[in-house]
C-alpha atoms as a PDB file:
ATOM      1  CA  UNK A   1       4.600-216.649  83.169  1.00  0.00           C
ATOM      2  CA  UNK A   2       6.427-219.947  83.747  1.00  0.00           C
ATOM      3  CA  UNK A   3       6.764-219.179  87.474  1.00  0.00           C
ATOM      4  CA  UNK A   4       3.094-218.269  87.678  1.00  0.00           C
ATOM      5  CA  UNK A   5       2.123-221.625  86.175  1.00  0.00           C
ATOM      6  CA  UNK A   6       3.519-223.424  89.205  1.00  0.00           C
ATOM      7  CA  UNK A   7       0.713-221.828  91.226  1.00  0.00           C
ATOM      8  CA  UNK A   8      -2.012-222.979  88.850  1.00  0.00           C
ATOM      9  CA  UNK A   9      -2.052-226.481  90.256  1.00  0.00           C
ATOM     10  CA  UNK A  10      -2.143-225.607  93.961  1.00  0.00           C
ATOM     11  CA  UNK A  11      -3.387-222.934  96.337  1.00  0.00           C
ATOM     12  CA  UNK A  12      -0.892-220.554  97.910  1.00  0.00           C
ATOM     13  CA  UNK A  13      -0.841-217.150  99.645  1.00  0.00           C
ATOM     14  CA  UNK A  14      -0.320-215.597  96.200  1.00  0.00           C
ATOM     15  CA  UNK A  15      -3.945-216.413  95.392  1.00  0.00           C
ATOM     16  CA  UNK A  16      -5.120-213.809  97.876  1.00  0.00           C
ATOM     17  CA  UNK A  17      -3.832-211.282  95.340  1.00  0.00           C
ATOM     18  CA  UNK A  18      -4.712-213.173  92.163  1.00  0.00           C
ATOM     19  CA  UNK A  19      -8.245-214.307  93.023  1.00  0.00           C
ATOM     20  CA  UNK A  20      -9.913-210.859  92.647  1.00  0.00           C
ATOM     21  CA  UNK A  21      -8.293-210.489  89.226  1.00  0.00           C
ATOM     22  CA  UNK A  22      -9.513-213.970  88.368  1.00  0.00           C
ATOM     23  CA  UNK A  23     -13.087-212.892  89.176  1.00  0.00           C
ATOM     24  CA  UNK A  24     -12.748-209.948  86.799  1.00  0.00           C
ATOM     25  CA  UNK A  25     -11.427-212.267  84.074  1.00  0.00           C
ATOM     26  CA  UNK A  26     -14.351-214.640  84.643  1.00  0.00           C
ATOM     27  CA  UNK A  27     -16.853-211.786  84.294  1.00  0.00           C
ATOM     28  CA  UNK A  28     -15.249-210.530  81.092  1.00  0.00           C
ATOM     29  CA  UNK A  29     -15.168-214.021  79.576  1.00  0.00           C
ATOM     30  CA  UNK A  30     -18.844-214.589  80.426  1.00  0.00           C
ATOM     31  CA  UNK A  31     -19.845-211.186  79.057  1.00  0.00           C
ATOM     32  CA  UNK A  32     -17.982-211.761  75.811  1.00  0.00           C
ATOM     33  CA  UNK A  33     -19.634-215.136  75.260  1.00  0.00           C
ATOM     34  CA  UNK A  34     -23.055-213.667  76.076  1.00  0.00           C
ATOM     35  CA  UNK A  35     -22.578-210.864  73.535  1.00  0.00           C
ATOM     36  CA  UNK A  36     -21.818-213.371  70.779  1.00  0.00           C
ATOM     37  CA  UNK A  37     -24.624-215.734  71.773  1.00  0.00           C
ATOM     38  CA  UNK A  38     -27.190-212.933  71.668  1.00  0.00           C
ATOM     39  CA  UNK A  39     -25.902-211.505  68.381  1.00  0.00           C
ATOM     40  CA  UNK A  40     -24.819-208.178  69.854  1.00  0.00           C
ATOM     41  CA  UNK A  41     -21.341-209.025  68.591  1.00  0.00           C
ATOM     42  CA  UNK A  42     -21.444-210.341  65.033  1.00  0.00           C
ATOM     43  CA  UNK A  43     -20.332-213.853  64.168  1.00  0.00           C
ATOM     44  CA  UNK A  44     -19.828-215.521  60.801  1.00  0.00           C
ATOM     45  CA  UNK A  45     -21.712-218.579  59.533  1.00  0.00           C
ATOM     46  CA  UNK A  46     -19.741-220.559  56.956  1.00  0.00           C
ATOM     47  CA  UNK A  47     -21.385-222.364  54.042  1.00  0.00           C
ATOM     48  CA  UNK A  48     -20.006-225.667  55.384  1.00  0.00           C
ATOM     49  CA  UNK A  49     -20.150-227.276  58.854  1.00  0.00           C
ATOM     50  CA  UNK A  50     -17.571-226.234  61.447  1.00  0.00           C
ATOM     51  CA  UNK A  51     -16.117-228.501  64.131  1.00  0.00           C
ATOM     52  CA  UNK A  52     -14.198-226.701  66.862  1.00  0.00           C
ATOM     53  CA  UNK A  53     -11.520-228.488  68.874  1.00  0.00           C
ATOM     54  CA  UNK A  54     -10.387-226.565  71.941  1.00  0.00           C
ATOM     55  CA  UNK A  55      -9.941-226.527  75.679  1.00  0.00           C
ATOM     56  CA  UNK A  56     -10.905-224.416  78.648  1.00  0.00           C
ATOM     57  CA  UNK A  57      -7.392-224.377  80.107  1.00  0.00           C
ATOM     58  CA  UNK A  58      -4.058-222.877  79.126  1.00  0.00           C
ATOM     59  CA  UNK A  59      -1.390-225.228  77.870  1.00  0.00           C
ATOM     60  CA  UNK A  60      -1.232-228.371  75.814  1.00  0.00           C
ATOM     61  CA  UNK A  61      -4.012-230.908  76.235  1.00  0.00           C
ATOM     62  CA  UNK A  62      -3.693-232.818  72.946  1.00  0.00           C
ATOM     63  CA  UNK A  63      -5.823-230.667  70.650  1.00  0.00           C
ATOM     64  CA  UNK A  64      -3.538-231.022  67.626  1.00  0.00           C
ATOM     65  CA  UNK A  65      -3.334-234.856  67.688  1.00  0.00           C
ATOM     66  CA  UNK A  66      -7.107-234.986  68.077  1.00  0.00           C
ATOM     67  CA  UNK A  67      -7.603-232.552  65.182  1.00  0.00           C
ATOM     68  CA  UNK A  68      -5.416-234.765  62.981  1.00  0.00           C
ATOM     69  CA  UNK A  69      -7.336-237.854  64.081  1.00  0.00           C
ATOM     70  CA  UNK A  70     -10.627-236.145  63.230  1.00  0.00           C
ATOM     71  CA  UNK A  71      -9.292-235.098  59.832  1.00  0.00           C
ATOM     72  CA  UNK A  72      -8.338-238.695  59.055  1.00  0.00           C
ATOM     73  CA  UNK A  73     -11.701-239.961  60.277  1.00  0.00           C
ATOM     74  CA  UNK A  74     -13.538-237.495  58.057  1.00  0.00           C
ATOM     75  CA  UNK A  75     -11.409-238.426  55.041  1.00  0.00           C
ATOM     76  CA  UNK A  76     -12.095-242.107  55.685  1.00  0.00           C
ATOM     77  CA  UNK A  77     -15.828-241.321  55.699  1.00  0.00           C
ATOM     78  CA  UNK A  78     -15.768-239.529  52.362  1.00  0.00           C
ATOM     79  CA  UNK A  79     -15.479-235.927  53.581  1.00  0.00           C
ATOM     80  CA  UNK A  80     -12.955-233.313  52.457  1.00  0.00           C
ATOM     81  CA  UNK A  81     -11.865-231.360  55.554  1.00  0.00           C
ATOM     82  CA  UNK A  82      -9.815-228.212  55.865  1.00  0.00           C
ATOM     83  CA  UNK A  83      -8.093-227.005  59.044  1.00  0.00           C
ATOM     84  CA  UNK A  84      -7.894-223.422  60.295  1.00  0.00           C
ATOM     85  CA  UNK A  85      -5.689-222.250  63.149  1.00  0.00           C
ATOM     86  CA  UNK A  86      -4.505-218.944  64.508  1.00  0.00           C
ATOM     87  CA  UNK A  87      -0.874-219.956  64.183  1.00  0.00           C
ATOM     88  CA  UNK A  88       1.531-218.827  66.866  1.00  0.00           C
ATOM     89  CA  UNK A  89       4.167-216.428  65.604  1.00  0.00           C
ATOM     90  CA  UNK A  90       5.303-214.674  62.454  1.00  0.00           C
ATOM     91  CA  UNK A  91       2.588-214.451  59.847  1.00  0.00           C
ATOM     92  CA  UNK A  92      -0.300-215.057  62.216  1.00  0.00           C
ATOM     93  CA  UNK A  93       0.828-212.392  64.668  1.00  0.00           C
ATOM     94  CA  UNK A  94       2.104-209.764  62.257  1.00  0.00           C
ATOM     95  CA  UNK A  95      -0.239-210.040  59.286  1.00  0.00           C
ATOM     96  CA  UNK A  96      -4.008-210.083  59.015  1.00  0.00           C
ATOM     97  CA  UNK A  97      -3.968-211.807  55.610  1.00  0.00           C
ATOM     98  CA  UNK A  98      -4.819-215.532  55.855  1.00  0.00           C
ATOM     99  CA  UNK A  99      -2.009-217.838  54.833  1.00  0.00           C
ATOM    100  CA  UNK A 100      -1.977-221.426  53.577  1.00  0.00           C
ATOM    101  CA  UNK A 101       0.687-223.501  55.265  1.00  0.00           C
ATOM    102  CA  UNK A 102       3.293-225.138  53.061  1.00  0.00           C
ATOM    103  CA  UNK A 103       5.776-227.735  54.273  1.00  0.00           C
ATOM    104  CA  UNK A 104       8.478-225.283  53.164  1.00  0.00           C
ATOM    105  CA  UNK A 105       7.298-222.700  55.703  1.00  0.00           C
ATOM    106  CA  UNK A 106       9.357-222.010  58.817  1.00  0.00           C
ATOM    107  CA  UNK A 107       7.862-222.867  62.187  1.00  0.00           C
ATOM    108  CA  UNK A 108       9.077-219.539  63.584  1.00  0.00           C
ATOM    109  CA  UNK A 109       6.890-217.744  61.049  1.00  0.00           C
ATOM    110  CA  UNK A 110       3.715-219.831  60.891  1.00  0.00           C
ATOM    111  CA  UNK A 111       3.677-221.729  64.186  1.00  0.00           C
ATOM    112  CA  UNK A 112       4.842-225.196  65.098  1.00  0.00           C
ATOM    113  CA  UNK A 113       1.432-226.877  65.337  1.00  0.00           C
ATOM    114  CA  UNK A 114       0.045-225.634  61.978  1.00  0.00           C
ATOM    115  CA  UNK A 115       3.279-226.714  60.274  1.00  0.00           C
ATOM    116  CA  UNK A 116       3.084-230.120  61.917  1.00  0.00           C
ATOM    117  CA  UNK A 117      -0.502-230.554  60.719  1.00  0.00           C
ATOM    118  CA  UNK A 118       0.435-229.496  57.191  1.00  0.00           C
ATOM    119  CA  UNK A 119       3.281-232.008  57.115  1.00  0.00           C
ATOM    120  CA  UNK A 120       0.799-234.818  57.733  1.00  0.00           C
ATOM    121  CA  UNK A 121      -0.682-233.884  54.310  1.00  0.00           C
ATOM    122  CA  UNK A 122      -4.234-234.883  55.223  1.00  0.00           C
ATOM    123  CA  UNK A 123      -5.908-231.681  54.097  1.00  0.00           C
ATOM    124  CA  UNK A 124      -5.291-227.931  53.540  1.00  0.00           C
ATOM    125  CA  UNK A 125      -4.178-225.983  56.634  1.00  0.00           C
ATOM    126  CA  UNK A 126      -4.668-222.200  56.839  1.00  0.00           C
ATOM    127  CA  UNK A 127      -3.789-219.736  59.576  1.00  0.00           C
ATOM    128  CA  UNK A 128      -4.896-216.210  60.429  1.00  0.00           C
ATOM    129  CA  UNK A 129      -5.796-214.072  63.417  1.00  0.00           C
ATOM    130  CA  UNK A 130      -9.245-213.684  61.868  1.00  0.00           C
ATOM    131  CA  UNK A 131     -10.605-217.250  61.920  1.00  0.00           C
ATOM    132  CA  UNK A 132     -13.637-216.588  59.681  1.00  0.00           C
ATOM    133  CA  UNK A 133     -11.443-214.864  57.086  1.00  0.00           C
ATOM    134  CA  UNK A 134      -8.961-217.745  57.153  1.00  0.00           C
ATOM    135  CA  UNK A 135     -11.760-220.283  56.754  1.00  0.00           C
ATOM    136  CA  UNK A 136     -13.367-218.382  53.875  1.00  0.00           C
ATOM    137  CA  UNK A 137      -9.998-218.050  52.134  1.00  0.00           C
ATOM    138  CA  UNK A 138      -9.454-221.796  52.553  1.00  0.00           C
ATOM    139  CA  UNK A 139     -12.848-222.576  51.033  1.00  0.00           C
ATOM    140  CA  UNK A 140     -12.216-220.240  48.122  1.00  0.00           C
ATOM    141  CA  UNK A 141      -8.830-221.816  47.398  1.00  0.00           C
ATOM    142  CA  UNK A 142     -10.123-225.359  47.955  1.00  0.00           C
ATOM    143  CA  UNK A 143     -13.780-225.521  46.918  1.00  0.00           C
ATOM    144  CA  UNK A 144     -13.720-229.289  47.363  1.00  0.00           C
ATOM    145  CA  UNK A 145     -13.541-228.823  51.159  1.00  0.00           C
ATOM    146  CA  UNK A 146     -16.925-229.527  52.703  1.00  0.00           C
ATOM    147  CA  UNK A 147     -16.140-229.245  56.426  1.00  0.00           C
ATOM    148  CA  UNK A 148     -13.839-227.054  58.544  1.00  0.00           C
ATOM    149  CA  UNK A 149     -11.893-228.125  61.634  1.00  0.00           C
ATOM    150  CA  UNK A 150     -10.918-225.200  63.864  1.00  0.00           C
ATOM    151  CA  UNK A 151      -7.860-226.107  65.924  1.00  0.00           C
ATOM    152  CA  UNK A 152      -7.811-224.420  69.350  1.00  0.00           C
ATOM    153  CA  UNK A 153     -10.904-222.422  68.441  1.00  0.00           C
ATOM    154  CA  UNK A 154     -13.250-222.820  71.395  1.00  0.00           C
ATOM    155  CA  UNK A 155     -13.011-219.180  72.525  1.00  0.00           C
ATOM    156  CA  UNK A 156     -13.020-217.752  68.966  1.00  0.00           C
ATOM    157  CA  UNK A 157     -16.732-217.012  68.953  1.00  0.00           C
ATOM    158  CA  UNK A 158     -16.646-214.922  65.779  1.00  0.00           C
ATOM    159  CA  UNK A 159     -16.704-218.232  63.912  1.00  0.00           C
ATOM    160  CA  UNK A 160     -20.024-220.007  64.332  1.00  0.00           C
ATOM    161  CA  UNK A 161     -19.733-223.715  64.949  1.00  0.00           C
ATOM    162  CA  UNK A 162     -21.842-226.840  64.530  1.00  0.00           C
ATOM    163  CA  UNK A 163     -19.854-229.037  66.927  1.00  0.00           C
ATOM    164  CA  UNK A 164     -17.741-228.120  69.964  1.00  0.00           C
ATOM    165  CA  UNK A 165     -15.186-230.583  71.348  1.00  0.00           C
ATOM    166  CA  UNK A 166     -13.199-229.909  74.513  1.00  0.00           C
ATOM    167  CA  UNK A 167      -9.948-231.767  75.180  1.00  0.00           C
ATOM    168  CA  UNK A 168      -8.884-232.230  78.806  1.00  0.00           C
ATOM    169  CA  UNK A 169      -5.451-233.280  80.048  1.00  0.00           C
ATOM    170  CA  UNK A 170      -6.253-236.412  82.022  1.00  0.00           C
ATOM    171  CA  UNK A 171      -3.310-235.931  84.377  1.00  0.00           C
ATOM    172  CA  UNK A 172      -3.565-232.227  85.169  1.00  0.00           C
ATOM    173  CA  UNK A 173      -7.314-231.806  84.627  1.00  0.00           C
ATOM    174  CA  UNK A 174      -8.304-228.263  85.703  1.00  0.00           C
ATOM    175  CA  UNK A 175      -5.506-227.489  88.133  1.00  0.00           C
ATOM    176  CA  UNK A 176      -6.793-225.531  91.118  1.00  0.00           C
ATOM    177  CA  UNK A 177     -10.077-224.848  89.307  1.00  0.00           C
ATOM    178  CA  UNK A 178      -9.531-221.088  89.116  1.00  0.00           C
ATOM    179  CA  UNK A 179      -9.559-218.828  86.085  1.00  0.00           C
ATOM    180  CA  UNK A 180      -6.590-216.821  84.852  1.00  0.00           C
ATOM    181  CA  UNK A 181      -4.366-215.527  86.328  1.00  0.00           C
ATOM    182  CA  UNK A 182      -5.046-217.401  89.599  1.00  0.00           C
ATOM    183  CA  UNK A 183      -5.450-220.700  87.771  1.00  0.00           C
ATOM    184  CA  UNK A 184      -5.080-222.244  84.306  1.00  0.00           C
ATOM    185  CA  UNK A 185      -8.695-221.872  83.149  1.00  0.00           C
ATOM    186  CA  UNK A 186      -9.830-219.671  80.263  1.00  0.00           C
ATOM    187  CA  UNK A 187     -13.468-220.401  81.066  1.00  0.00           C
ATOM    188  CA  UNK A 188     -15.152-221.977  84.113  1.00  0.00           C
ATOM    189  CA  UNK A 189     -15.540-225.749  84.345  1.00  0.00           C
ATOM    190  CA  UNK A 190     -19.298-225.263  83.885  1.00  0.00           C
ATOM    191  CA  UNK A 191     -18.536-224.501  80.211  1.00  0.00           C
ATOM    192  CA  UNK A 192     -18.036-228.252  79.781  1.00  0.00           C
ATOM    193  CA  UNK A 193     -21.797-228.767  80.125  1.00  0.00           C
ATOM    194  CA  UNK A 194     -22.490-226.758  76.960  1.00  0.00           C
ATOM    195  CA  UNK A 195     -20.175-228.569  74.516  1.00  0.00           C
ATOM    196  CA  UNK A 196     -21.013-231.551  72.329  1.00  0.00           C
ATOM    197  CA  UNK A 197     -18.174-233.833  73.432  1.00  0.00           C
ATOM    198  CA  UNK A 198     -15.462-233.993  76.081  1.00  0.00           C
ATOM    199  CA  UNK A 199     -12.271-235.924  75.286  1.00  0.00           C
ATOM    200  CA  UNK A 200      -9.950-236.974  78.127  1.00  0.00           C
ATOM    201  CA  UNK A 201      -6.348-237.312  76.993  1.00  0.00           C
ATOM    202  CA  UNK A 202      -4.479-239.910  79.012  1.00  0.00           C
ATOM    203  CA  UNK A 203      -6.825-240.269  81.937  1.00  0.00           C
ATOM    204  CA  UNK A 204      -9.980-241.915  83.203  1.00  0.00           C
ATOM    205  CA  UNK A 205     -13.088-240.956  81.253  1.00  0.00           C
ATOM    206  CA  UNK A 206     -16.589-241.313  82.652  1.00  0.00           C
ATOM    207  CA  UNK A 207     -19.563-242.653  80.763  1.00  0.00           C
ATOM    208  CA  UNK A 208     -20.297-239.414  78.874  1.00  0.00           C
ATOM    209  CA  UNK A 209     -16.672-238.654  77.965  1.00  0.00           C
ATOM    210  CA  UNK A 210     -14.372-240.067  75.303  1.00  0.00           C
ATOM    211  CA  UNK A 211     -10.981-241.458  76.315  1.00  0.00           C
ATOM    212  CA  UNK A 212      -7.995-240.578  74.133  1.00  0.00           C
ATOM    213  CA  UNK A 213      -4.489-241.977  74.213  1.00  0.00           C
ATOM    214  CA  UNK A 214      -1.391-241.048  72.232  1.00  0.00           C
ATOM    215  CA  UNK A 215       0.236-244.097  70.696  1.00  0.00           C
ATOM    216  CA  UNK A 216       3.658-244.365  69.094  1.00  0.00           C
ATOM    217  CA  UNK A 217       6.722-246.592  69.346  1.00  0.00           C
ATOM    218  CA  UNK A 218       8.665-245.825  66.170  1.00  0.00           C
ATOM    219  CA  UNK A 219      11.233-243.063  65.656  1.00  0.00           C
ATOM    220  CA  UNK A 220      12.275-241.514  62.373  1.00  0.00           C
ATOM    221  CA  UNK A 221      15.548-239.732  61.781  1.00  0.00           C
ATOM    222  CA  UNK A 222      15.038-235.996  61.447  1.00  0.00           C
ATOM    223  CA  UNK A 223      17.731-235.677  58.765  1.00  0.00           C
ATOM    224  CA  UNK A 224      16.626-238.813  56.910  1.00  0.00           C
ATOM    225  CA  UNK A 225      12.914-239.415  57.615  1.00  0.00           C
ATOM    226  CA  UNK A 226      12.946-242.613  55.546  1.00  0.00           C
ATOM    227  CA  UNK A 227      15.045-244.219  58.298  1.00  0.00           C
ATOM    228  CA  UNK A 228      12.657-245.577  60.911  1.00  0.00           C
ATOM    229  CA  UNK A 229      13.655-247.579  63.988  1.00  0.00           C
ATOM    230  CA  UNK A 230      11.974-249.064  67.031  1.00  0.00           C
ATOM    231  CA  UNK A 231      12.717-248.047  70.609  1.00  0.00           C
ATOM    232  CA  UNK A 232      14.842-251.179  71.088  1.00  0.00           C
ATOM    233  CA  UNK A 233      17.455-249.699  68.716  1.00  0.00           C
ATOM    234  CA  UNK A 234      18.414-247.211  71.427  1.00  0.00           C
ATOM    235  CA  UNK A 235      19.143-249.859  74.066  1.00  0.00           C
ATOM    236  CA  UNK A 236      22.392-249.153  75.909  1.00  0.00           C
ATOM    237  CA  UNK A 237      22.838-245.715  74.324  1.00  0.00           C
ATOM    238  CA  UNK A 238      23.333-242.413  76.113  1.00  0.00           C
ATOM    239  CA  UNK A 239      20.076-240.614  75.350  1.00  0.00           C
ATOM    240  CA  UNK A 240      18.867-237.052  75.726  1.00  0.00           C
ATOM    241  CA  UNK A 241      15.199-236.139  75.340  1.00  0.00           C
ATOM    242  CA  UNK A 242      13.824-232.648  74.694  1.00  0.00           C
ATOM    243  CA  UNK A 243      10.225-231.465  74.910  1.00  0.00           C
ATOM    244  CA  UNK A 244       8.939-227.942  74.295  1.00  0.00           C
ATOM    245  CA  UNK A 245       5.258-228.780  74.599  1.00  0.00           C
ATOM    246  CA  UNK A 246       2.452-227.868  76.973  1.00  0.00           C
ATOM    247  CA  UNK A 247       3.081-230.867  79.234  1.00  0.00           C
ATOM    248  CA  UNK A 248       6.667-232.171  78.732  1.00  0.00           C
ATOM    249  CA  UNK A 249       6.206-234.818  81.415  1.00  0.00           C
ATOM    250  CA  UNK A 250       3.766-236.643  79.133  1.00  0.00           C
ATOM    251  CA  UNK A 251       6.480-237.169  76.506  1.00  0.00           C
ATOM    252  CA  UNK A 252       9.095-238.243  79.038  1.00  0.00           C
ATOM    253  CA  UNK A 253       6.677-240.724  80.600  1.00  0.00           C
ATOM    254  CA  UNK A 254       5.917-242.124  77.153  1.00  0.00           C
ATOM    255  CA  UNK A 255       9.633-242.741  76.596  1.00  0.00           C
ATOM    256  CA  UNK A 256       9.891-244.465  79.974  1.00  0.00           C
ATOM    257  CA  UNK A 257       7.019-246.755  79.017  1.00  0.00           C
ATOM    258  CA  UNK A 258       8.995-247.658  75.899  1.00  0.00           C
ATOM    259  CA  UNK A 259      11.857-248.689  78.155  1.00  0.00           C
ATOM    260  CA  UNK A 260      14.068-245.711  77.351  1.00  0.00           C
ATOM    261  CA  UNK A 261      16.106-243.995  80.040  1.00  0.00           C
ATOM    262  CA  UNK A 262      16.951-240.531  78.724  1.00  0.00           C
ATOM    263  CA  UNK A 263      18.300-237.373  80.305  1.00  0.00           C
ATOM    264  CA  UNK A 264      15.279-235.070  80.213  1.00  0.00           C
ATOM    265  CA  UNK A 265      15.254-231.429  79.086  1.00  0.00           C
ATOM    266  CA  UNK A 266      11.929-229.597  79.405  1.00  0.00           C
ATOM    267  CA  UNK A 267      11.426-226.319  77.538  1.00  0.00           C
ATOM    268  CA  UNK A 268       8.476-223.885  77.529  1.00  0.00           C
ATOM    269  CA  UNK A 269       5.620-224.541  75.127  1.00  0.00           C
ATOM    270  CA  UNK A 270       6.340-223.220  71.608  1.00  0.00           C
ATOM    271  CA  UNK A 271       9.998-222.711  72.554  1.00  0.00           C
ATOM    272  CA  UNK A 272      12.259-221.418  69.767  1.00  0.00           C
ATOM    273  CA  UNK A 273      15.171-223.815  69.651  1.00  0.00           C
ATOM    274  CA  UNK A 274      18.694-223.003  68.541  1.00  0.00           C
ATOM    275  CA  UNK A 275      21.526-225.360  67.671  1.00  0.00           C
ATOM    276  CA  UNK A 276      23.084-224.881  71.091  1.00  0.00           C
ATOM    277  CA  UNK A 277      19.931-226.223  72.784  1.00  0.00           C
ATOM    278  CA  UNK A 278      20.561-229.681  71.360  1.00  0.00           C
ATOM    279  CA  UNK A 279      24.357-229.653  71.353  1.00  0.00           C
ATOM    280  CA  UNK A 280      24.752-232.521  73.821  1.00  0.00           C
ATOM    281  CA  UNK A 281      28.340-233.713  73.416  1.00  0.00           C
ATOM    282  CA  UNK A 282      27.738-236.997  75.212  1.00  0.00           C
ATOM    283  CA  UNK A 283      24.559-237.907  73.307  1.00  0.00           C
ATOM    284  CA  UNK A 284      24.352-241.007  71.175  1.00  0.00           C
ATOM    285  CA  UNK A 285      20.812-239.965  70.242  1.00  0.00           C
ATOM    286  CA  UNK A 286      18.506-237.002  70.871  1.00  0.00           C
ATOM    287  CA  UNK A 287      14.810-237.867  71.112  1.00  0.00           C
ATOM    288  CA  UNK A 288      12.090-235.303  70.479  1.00  0.00           C
ATOM    289  CA  UNK A 289       8.421-234.808  69.670  1.00  0.00           C
ATOM    290  CA  UNK A 290       7.154-233.947  66.200  1.00  0.00           C
ATOM    291  CA  UNK A 291       6.311-230.483  67.489  1.00  0.00           C
ATOM    292  CA  UNK A 292       9.949-229.987  68.499  1.00  0.00           C
ATOM    293  CA  UNK A 293      11.179-231.491  65.238  1.00  0.00           C
ATOM    294  CA  UNK A 294       9.626-228.825  62.994  1.00  0.00           C
ATOM    295  CA  UNK A 295      11.656-226.216  64.898  1.00  0.00           C
ATOM    296  CA  UNK A 296      14.914-228.176  64.954  1.00  0.00           C
ATOM    297  CA  UNK A 297      15.003-229.351  61.334  1.00  0.00           C
ATOM    298  CA  UNK A 298      17.209-226.460  60.150  1.00  0.00           C
ATOM    299  CA  UNK A 299      20.119-227.459  62.408  1.00  0.00           C
ATOM    300  CA  UNK A 300      19.430-231.140  63.005  1.00  0.00           C
ATOM    301  CA  UNK A 301      22.183-233.739  63.057  1.00  0.00           C
ATOM    302  CA  UNK A 302      22.086-237.465  62.398  1.00  0.00           C
ATOM    303  CA  UNK A 303      21.613-237.927  66.155  1.00  0.00           C
ATOM    304  CA  UNK A 304      18.115-236.385  66.116  1.00  0.00           C
ATOM    305  CA  UNK A 305      15.227-238.852  66.261  1.00  0.00           C
ATOM    306  CA  UNK A 306      11.526-238.031  66.259  1.00  0.00           C
ATOM    307  CA  UNK A 307       8.739-240.004  67.913  1.00  0.00           C
ATOM    308  CA  UNK A 308       5.569-239.932  65.858  1.00  0.00           C
ATOM    309  CA  UNK A 309       2.411-240.294  67.930  1.00  0.00           C
ATOM    310  CA  UNK A 310      -1.172-240.658  66.813  1.00  0.00           C
ATOM    311  CA  UNK A 311      -4.343-240.183  68.795  1.00  0.00           C
ATOM    312  CA  UNK A 312      -6.508-243.213  69.487  1.00  0.00           C
ATOM    313  CA  UNK A 313     -10.159-242.434  70.236  1.00  0.00           C
ATOM    314  CA  UNK A 314     -13.340-244.462  70.196  1.00  0.00           C
ATOM    315  CA  UNK A 315     -14.913-244.052  66.765  1.00  0.00           C
ATOM    316  CA  UNK A 316     -18.215-243.336  68.529  1.00  0.00           C
ATOM    317  CA  UNK A 317     -16.925-239.758  68.561  1.00  0.00           C
ATOM    318  CA  UNK A 318     -16.770-239.865  64.767  1.00  0.00           C
ATOM    319  CA  UNK A 319     -20.368-241.066  64.575  1.00  0.00           C
ATOM    320  CA  UNK A 320     -21.488-238.302  66.938  1.00  0.00           C
ATOM    321  CA  UNK A 321     -19.858-235.664  64.739  1.00  0.00           C
ATOM    322  CA  UNK A 322     -21.179-237.110  61.493  1.00  0.00           C
ATOM    323  CA  UNK A 323     -24.689-237.183  62.909  1.00  0.00           C
ATOM    324  CA  UNK A 324     -24.490-233.515  63.791  1.00  0.00           C
ATOM    325  CA  UNK A 325     -22.989-232.279  60.505  1.00  0.00           C
ATOM    326  CA  UNK A 326     -24.837-234.477  58.013  1.00  0.00           C
ATOM    327  CA  UNK A 327     -27.915-232.715  56.587  1.00  0.00           C
END
């Protein structure tokens, strides 16, 4: 899969073979959406509004930071959100029973992104392959919740939604513009015209889009989170940086903008780390994302430092959402 991804952002002779398969995938995706839109396939309407945050491409675009930003915005406006996600491994893949994420859960079992969201302690976070079942279980366990955020839920049409938000990687955009497996797209670019808002992460947004940036300059120690330092504390040190996210280059560029020159180690998205992966004998400090941190906590050393980032978005997006979900 990793080798195939290199072809998603260019055109090569391989696409002569992949393009026909891509056309089949496009037809199946369109048919599936049509069946849900017309009610031939049943979908579930929750008793509270649903805001879906997703993308039309494979790989990280910044959905989780945006979901956390939305949760905070809703809390600040007097709402009580809950978050549902599929999860990535373990419970979400092996069990059909919805599961509430606890900060004691292991990332290998519940998924790195749901665990990261739960650690922010903004609202309840539930996972499950069946999104409607997970959302209903969340509402039963937390009747105070009056709105649901569905993380990475754009293509999960079984769950009816009141607001759809698409997040786009501002640097990579839509690659070669082709659908899987010839390109990175899950749905055609035309799908963007049917959503309520488009958020551009780290790139130029036009007049109808919302620009998002990820801000953060402080690092906390993974073994002792109460210890927080600025980037200047690492001046003159031998640094290693790891990133097992959808777009590792984004993290490395962020470090460079902070003035940090680190030896870079990119891993696949959702990579399962082991102690040997971060055993850099010459490292004075090892820098990582929060998503990496939840998977490295079990074998972390005092050299492990985590950069916390938060999404920054124009609050006009908040007003758009509130207008759509307020009776």
